[in-house]
């Protein structure tokens, strides 16, 4: 059994990934054809979706059961409003994170993978934002009952800043840094 090196044609600059801001392949990477790139990106989105779906579905299932506990009715108006916001954001996060699967089922075989990747990417970004809101509201609901005064809101604010930094600011900073290096 021999292994041959397969030489793939390089994609032209206008065929490169547009939606993620990639400047091109690194010098030590084998170039991808546009078809290989879109297939890789689709597979990556599906893997990421599986991870995010699991988390949001477990959280959403927990949230649905809260309203049926005896102590729920003793909560005040603020806590009920936070609960409703939490459930709505959890439901919409679930919809966004499962939508790529539905899109794939409806459009599979239609030669629309580029469009599917772009839409799935946007749905994942929206779903992640809604999942962060759901987690923040869940924390607020729990901490408002457990921690006295404004401390719950301060703690949740700190956690939400961490979400913003680690989920959004850090990746954007890394993208910007990479783009600067590519132009140097």
C-alpha atoms as a PDB file:
ATOM      1  CA  UNK A   1       0.000   0.000   0.000  1.00  0.00           C
ATOM      2  CA  UNK A   2       1.482   3.328  -1.042  1.00  0.00           C
ATOM      3  CA  UNK A   3       0.504   6.788  -0.088  1.00  0.00           C
ATOM      4  CA  UNK A   4       0.462   9.405  -2.810  1.00  0.00           C
ATOM      5  CA  UNK A   5       0.423  13.082  -2.213  1.00  0.00           C
ATOM      6  CA  UNK A   6      -2.615  14.550  -3.893  1.00  0.00           C
ATOM      7  CA  UNK A   7      -2.041  18.005  -5.246  1.00  0.00           C
ATOM      8  CA  UNK A   8      -5.142  20.160  -5.008  1.00  0.00           C
ATOM      9  CA  UNK A   9      -5.612  23.294  -7.057  1.00  0.00           C
ATOM     10  CA  UNK A  10      -5.453  26.441  -5.000  1.00  0.00           C
ATOM     11  CA  UNK A  11      -8.633  28.420  -4.648  1.00  0.00           C
ATOM     12  CA  UNK A  12      -8.552  31.866  -6.094  1.00  0.00           C
ATOM     13  CA  UNK A  13      -8.739  34.834  -3.751  1.00  0.00           C
ATOM     14  CA  UNK A  14     -12.372  35.573  -4.630  1.00  0.00           C
ATOM     15  CA  UNK A  15     -13.357  31.967  -3.747  1.00  0.00           C
ATOM     16  CA  UNK A  16     -11.987  32.128  -0.215  1.00  0.00           C
ATOM     17  CA  UNK A  17     -14.223  32.181   2.839  1.00  0.00           C
ATOM     18  CA  UNK A  18     -15.881  35.580   3.130  1.00  0.00           C
ATOM     19  CA  UNK A  19     -18.098  35.257   6.186  1.00  0.00           C
ATOM     20  CA  UNK A  20     -15.421  34.528   8.773  1.00  0.00           C
ATOM     21  CA  UNK A  21     -12.796  37.046   7.705  1.00  0.00           C
ATOM     22  CA  UNK A  22     -10.146  34.479   6.865  1.00  0.00           C
ATOM     23  CA  UNK A  23      -7.189  36.016   5.121  1.00  0.00           C
ATOM     24  CA  UNK A  24      -6.185  32.705   3.518  1.00  0.00           C
ATOM     25  CA  UNK A  25      -4.355  29.541   4.442  1.00  0.00           C
ATOM     26  CA  UNK A  26      -1.253  29.529   6.603  1.00  0.00           C
ATOM     27  CA  UNK A  27       2.001  28.738   4.838  1.00  0.00           C
ATOM     28  CA  UNK A  28       2.227  25.251   6.389  1.00  0.00           C
ATOM     29  CA  UNK A  29      -1.365  24.212   5.559  1.00  0.00           C
ATOM     30  CA  UNK A  30      -2.464  22.386   2.430  1.00  0.00           C
ATOM     31  CA  UNK A  31      -4.771  24.627   0.412  1.00  0.00           C
ATOM     32  CA  UNK A  32      -8.425  23.616   0.262  1.00  0.00           C
ATOM     33  CA  UNK A  33     -10.665  23.720  -2.736  1.00  0.00           C
ATOM     34  CA  UNK A  34     -13.830  25.779  -2.259  1.00  0.00           C
ATOM     35  CA  UNK A  35     -15.845  22.552  -2.019  1.00  0.00           C
ATOM     36  CA  UNK A  36     -13.524  21.067   0.630  1.00  0.00           C
ATOM     37  CA  UNK A  37     -13.653  24.308   2.600  1.00  0.00           C
ATOM     38  CA  UNK A  38     -17.464  24.498   2.624  1.00  0.00           C
ATOM     39  CA  UNK A  39     -17.699  20.810   3.591  1.00  0.00           C
ATOM     40  CA  UNK A  40     -15.204  21.315   6.424  1.00  0.00           C
ATOM     41  CA  UNK A  41     -17.020  24.409   7.645  1.00  0.00           C
ATOM     42  CA  UNK A  42     -20.373  22.604   7.540  1.00  0.00           C
ATOM     43  CA  UNK A  43     -18.955  19.687   9.561  1.00  0.00           C
ATOM     44  CA  UNK A  44     -17.469  22.117  12.093  1.00  0.00           C
ATOM     45  CA  UNK A  45     -20.807  23.902  12.475  1.00  0.00           C
ATOM     46  CA  UNK A  46     -22.585  20.591  13.025  1.00  0.00           C
ATOM     47  CA  UNK A  47     -20.104  19.588  15.742  1.00  0.00           C
ATOM     48  CA  UNK A  48     -20.402  22.970  17.454  1.00  0.00           C
ATOM     49  CA  UNK A  49     -24.185  22.771  17.189  1.00  0.00           C
ATOM     50  CA  UNK A  50     -24.211  19.406  18.974  1.00  0.00           C
ATOM     51  CA  UNK A  51     -22.321  20.860  21.929  1.00  0.00           C
ATOM     52  CA  UNK A  52     -24.444  24.005  22.188  1.00  0.00           C
ATOM     53  CA  UNK A  53     -27.731  22.127  21.674  1.00  0.00           C
ATOM     54  CA  UNK A  54     -27.004  19.768  24.533  1.00  0.00           C
ATOM     55  CA  UNK A  55     -26.296  22.592  26.944  1.00  0.00           C
ATOM     56  CA  UNK A  56     -29.302  24.700  26.038  1.00  0.00           C
ATOM     57  CA  UNK A  57     -31.672  21.717  25.999  1.00  0.00           C
ATOM     58  CA  UNK A  58     -30.626  20.591  29.492  1.00  0.00           C
ATOM     59  CA  UNK A  59     -30.967  24.142  30.802  1.00  0.00           C
ATOM     60  CA  UNK A  60     -34.328  24.610  29.066  1.00  0.00           C
ATOM     61  CA  UNK A  61     -35.645  21.326  30.483  1.00  0.00           C
ATOM     62  CA  UNK A  62     -34.656  22.429  33.970  1.00  0.00           C
ATOM     63  CA  UNK A  63     -36.359  25.792  33.469  1.00  0.00           C
ATOM     64  CA  UNK A  64     -39.614  24.218  32.371  1.00  0.00           C
ATOM     65  CA  UNK A  65     -39.825  22.236  35.604  1.00  0.00           C
ATOM     66  CA  UNK A  66     -39.261  25.245  37.873  1.00  0.00           C
ATOM     67  CA  UNK A  67     -42.785  26.638  37.409  1.00  0.00           C
ATOM     68  CA  UNK A  68     -44.247  23.427  38.839  1.00  0.00           C
ATOM     69  CA  UNK A  69     -42.377  23.547  42.151  1.00  0.00           C
ATOM     70  CA  UNK A  70     -44.252  24.611  45.308  1.00  0.00           C
ATOM     71  CA  UNK A  71     -41.889  27.530  46.051  1.00  0.00           C
ATOM     72  CA  UNK A  72     -42.332  29.086  42.594  1.00  0.00           C
ATOM     73  CA  UNK A  73     -45.681  30.611  43.524  1.00  0.00           C
ATOM     74  CA  UNK A  74     -44.083  32.337  46.540  1.00  0.00           C
ATOM     75  CA  UNK A  75     -41.696  34.287  44.306  1.00  0.00           C
ATOM     76  CA  UNK A  76     -42.372  37.955  43.661  1.00  0.00           C
ATOM     77  CA  UNK A  77     -43.264  39.766  40.458  1.00  0.00           C
ATOM     78  CA  UNK A  78     -39.609  40.491  39.622  1.00  0.00           C
ATOM     79  CA  UNK A  79     -38.677  36.811  39.867  1.00  0.00           C
ATOM     80  CA  UNK A  80     -41.660  35.783  37.753  1.00  0.00           C
ATOM     81  CA  UNK A  81     -40.660  38.344  35.093  1.00  0.00           C
ATOM     82  CA  UNK A  82     -37.073  37.048  35.127  1.00  0.00           C
ATOM     83  CA  UNK A  83     -38.407  33.504  34.816  1.00  0.00           C
ATOM     84  CA  UNK A  84     -40.570  34.358  31.799  1.00  0.00           C
ATOM     85  CA  UNK A  85     -37.625  36.140  30.149  1.00  0.00           C
ATOM     86  CA  UNK A  86     -35.427  33.136  30.878  1.00  0.00           C
ATOM     87  CA  UNK A  87     -37.851  30.616  29.410  1.00  0.00           C
ATOM     88  CA  UNK A  88     -38.463  32.720  26.292  1.00  0.00           C
ATOM     89  CA  UNK A  89     -34.740  33.255  25.678  1.00  0.00           C
ATOM     90  CA  UNK A  90     -34.102  29.539  26.309  1.00  0.00           C
ATOM     91  CA  UNK A  91     -36.800  28.546  23.824  1.00  0.00           C
ATOM     92  CA  UNK A  92     -35.499  30.916  21.156  1.00  0.00           C
ATOM     93  CA  UNK A  93     -31.901  29.776  21.782  1.00  0.00           C
ATOM     94  CA  UNK A  94     -33.062  26.191  21.330  1.00  0.00           C
ATOM     95  CA  UNK A  95     -34.782  27.135  18.063  1.00  0.00           C
ATOM     96  CA  UNK A  96     -31.678  28.890  16.726  1.00  0.00           C
ATOM     97  CA  UNK A  97     -29.341  26.063  17.680  1.00  0.00           C
ATOM     98  CA  UNK A  98     -31.545  23.331  16.208  1.00  0.00           C
ATOM     99  CA  UNK A  99     -32.426  25.273  13.036  1.00  0.00           C
ATOM    100  CA  UNK A 100     -29.237  24.235  11.143  1.00  0.00           C
ATOM    101  CA  UNK A 101     -30.385  20.613  11.387  1.00  0.00           C
ATOM    102  CA  UNK A 102     -33.780  21.486   9.907  1.00  0.00           C
ATOM    103  CA  UNK A 103     -32.162  23.580   7.196  1.00  0.00           C
ATOM    104  CA  UNK A 104     -29.900  20.671   6.309  1.00  0.00           C
ATOM    105  CA  UNK A 105     -32.836  18.250   6.122  1.00  0.00           C
ATOM    106  CA  UNK A 106     -34.856  20.541   3.858  1.00  0.00           C
ATOM    107  CA  UNK A 107     -31.994  21.608   1.596  1.00  0.00           C
ATOM    108  CA  UNK A 108     -29.789  18.513   1.486  1.00  0.00           C
ATOM    109  CA  UNK A 109     -28.919  17.665  -2.101  1.00  0.00           C
ATOM    110  CA  UNK A 110     -29.952  21.095  -3.426  1.00  0.00           C
ATOM    111  CA  UNK A 111     -26.325  22.246  -3.939  1.00  0.00           C
ATOM    112  CA  UNK A 112     -26.818  25.114  -1.505  1.00  0.00           C
ATOM    113  CA  UNK A 113     -24.134  24.267   1.049  1.00  0.00           C
ATOM    114  CA  UNK A 114     -22.494  27.715   0.811  1.00  0.00           C
ATOM    115  CA  UNK A 115     -25.794  29.351   1.733  1.00  0.00           C
ATOM    116  CA  UNK A 116     -26.507  26.743   4.406  1.00  0.00           C
ATOM    117  CA  UNK A 117     -23.128  27.372   6.036  1.00  0.00           C
ATOM    118  CA  UNK A 118     -23.692  31.140   6.051  1.00  0.00           C
ATOM    119  CA  UNK A 119     -27.204  30.887   7.526  1.00  0.00           C
ATOM    120  CA  UNK A 120     -26.153  28.239  10.057  1.00  0.00           C
ATOM    121  CA  UNK A 121     -23.253  30.450  11.117  1.00  0.00           C
ATOM    122  CA  UNK A 122     -25.609  33.366  11.771  1.00  0.00           C
ATOM    123  CA  UNK A 123     -28.113  31.156  13.606  1.00  0.00           C
ATOM    124  CA  UNK A 124     -25.323  29.763  15.790  1.00  0.00           C
ATOM    125  CA  UNK A 125     -24.140  33.275  16.680  1.00  0.00           C
ATOM    126  CA  UNK A 126     -27.700  34.304  17.546  1.00  0.00           C
ATOM    127  CA  UNK A 127     -28.269  31.074  19.486  1.00  0.00           C
ATOM    128  CA  UNK A 128     -25.080  31.581  21.494  1.00  0.00           C
ATOM    129  CA  UNK A 129     -26.139  35.113  22.389  1.00  0.00           C
ATOM    130  CA  UNK A 130     -29.567  33.874  23.472  1.00  0.00           C
ATOM    131  CA  UNK A 131     -27.956  31.058  25.434  1.00  0.00           C
ATOM    132  CA  UNK A 132     -25.802  33.595  27.284  1.00  0.00           C
ATOM    133  CA  UNK A 133     -28.948  35.610  28.070  1.00  0.00           C
ATOM    134  CA  UNK A 134     -30.665  32.433  29.284  1.00  0.00           C
ATOM    135  CA  UNK A 135     -27.733  31.551  31.528  1.00  0.00           C
ATOM    136  CA  UNK A 136     -27.560  35.106  32.864  1.00  0.00           C
ATOM    137  CA  UNK A 137     -31.284  35.176  33.618  1.00  0.00           C
ATOM    138  CA  UNK A 138     -31.098  31.737  35.242  1.00  0.00           C
ATOM    139  CA  UNK A 139     -28.286  32.979  37.470  1.00  0.00           C
ATOM    140  CA  UNK A 140     -30.282  36.094  38.310  1.00  0.00           C
ATOM    141  CA  UNK A 141     -33.333  34.022  39.200  1.00  0.00           C
ATOM    142  CA  UNK A 142     -31.333  31.728  41.478  1.00  0.00           C
ATOM    143  CA  UNK A 143     -29.055  34.353  43.027  1.00  0.00           C
ATOM    144  CA  UNK A 144     -31.911  36.796  43.631  1.00  0.00           C
ATOM    145  CA  UNK A 145     -33.468  34.175  45.912  1.00  0.00           C
ATOM    146  CA  UNK A 146     -30.189  33.152  47.582  1.00  0.00           C
ATOM    147  CA  UNK A 147     -28.102  36.349  47.868  1.00  0.00           C
ATOM    148  CA  UNK A 148     -29.469  39.419  49.655  1.00  0.00           C
ATOM    149  CA  UNK A 149     -29.830  42.863  48.098  1.00  0.00           C
ATOM    150  CA  UNK A 150     -28.123  44.055  44.936  1.00  0.00           C
ATOM    151  CA  UNK A 151     -25.304  41.541  45.282  1.00  0.00           C
ATOM    152  CA  UNK A 152     -27.129  39.082  42.981  1.00  0.00           C
ATOM    153  CA  UNK A 153     -27.323  41.659  40.188  1.00  0.00           C
ATOM    154  CA  UNK A 154     -23.643  42.551  40.625  1.00  0.00           C
ATOM    155  CA  UNK A 155     -22.606  38.896  40.508  1.00  0.00           C
ATOM    156  CA  UNK A 156     -24.707  38.230  37.408  1.00  0.00           C
ATOM    157  CA  UNK A 157     -23.323  41.388  35.800  1.00  0.00           C
ATOM    158  CA  UNK A 158     -19.793  40.116  36.438  1.00  0.00           C
ATOM    159  CA  UNK A 159     -20.611  36.724  34.933  1.00  0.00           C
ATOM    160  CA  UNK A 160     -22.209  38.352  31.884  1.00  0.00           C
ATOM    161  CA  UNK A 161     -19.125  40.522  31.378  1.00  0.00           C
ATOM    162  CA  UNK A 162     -17.077  37.318  31.462  1.00  0.00           C
ATOM    163  CA  UNK A 163     -19.376  35.761  28.833  1.00  0.00           C
ATOM    164  CA  UNK A 164     -19.001  38.852  26.647  1.00  0.00           C
ATOM    165  CA  UNK A 165     -15.220  38.807  26.991  1.00  0.00           C
ATOM    166  CA  UNK A 166     -14.663  35.078  26.492  1.00  0.00           C
ATOM    167  CA  UNK A 167     -17.362  34.364  23.884  1.00  0.00           C
ATOM    168  CA  UNK A 168     -17.206  37.563  21.805  1.00  0.00           C
ATOM    169  CA  UNK A 169     -14.376  39.982  22.632  1.00  0.00           C
ATOM    170  CA  UNK A 170     -11.605  37.352  22.725  1.00  0.00           C
ATOM    171  CA  UNK A 171     -12.477  35.743  19.363  1.00  0.00           C
ATOM    172  CA  UNK A 172     -12.844  39.169  17.738  1.00  0.00           C
ATOM    173  CA  UNK A 173      -9.503  40.279  19.185  1.00  0.00           C
ATOM    174  CA  UNK A 174      -7.838  37.072  17.926  1.00  0.00           C
ATOM    175  CA  UNK A 175      -9.349  37.615  14.460  1.00  0.00           C
ATOM    176  CA  UNK A 176      -8.122  41.211  14.403  1.00  0.00           C
ATOM    177  CA  UNK A 177      -4.641  40.174  15.547  1.00  0.00           C
ATOM    178  CA  UNK A 178      -4.488  37.460  12.883  1.00  0.00           C
ATOM    179  CA  UNK A 179      -5.586  39.903  10.181  1.00  0.00           C
ATOM    180  CA  UNK A 180      -2.863  42.356  11.251  1.00  0.00           C
ATOM    181  CA  UNK A 181      -0.247  39.611  11.053  1.00  0.00           C
ATOM    182  CA  UNK A 182      -1.469  38.553   7.606  1.00  0.00           C
ATOM    183  CA  UNK A 183      -1.066  42.109   6.259  1.00  0.00           C
ATOM    184  CA  UNK A 184       2.397  42.574   7.795  1.00  0.00           C
END
